[in-house]
Amino acid sequence: MKNDRTEITTFDLTKTYDKEIAPLVKKLENMCLKYEIPVFITCCVKSTKDETFYKNTMANSPVSSQINLKVNTFPRHIGVCRGFEVTPRRFQEDIDEEFLKYELDESEIPKPEGPESE
């Protein structure tokens, strides 16, 4: 998703993250593992005019563990981190189920005109 603002904020806090924040994230990850709490953490550590860099941490993910959640948003978090766009739920619900089942009849497809179509 592109940012609509014309000026991008730039920074590089990678070293600060590695030195000061990563140990805290690791401690939190270990505590979540100990108590079997699913956790997903994303920190934006660097932003340039062309790219944005993130550090992601996940523990006890319902994706890879035996934890079953009523509403599991972990796959969406992972998808976003891998570059997938998110479709808002309201849009998904607005799609008519009959439309999804619709099969196009070949007679409805216009035939190209000209000698190459024969």
Foldseek 3Di string as FASTA:
>chain_A
DDDPDPDDDWDAQPVVCVPPVVVVVVVVQVVCQVVLNWDKDKDFGTDDPVDTDIDIDTHNQVVPDVDDDPDRCVVVVVCVVVPDDDDDPVVVVPDDVVVVVDDDDPVPDDQDDDPVSD
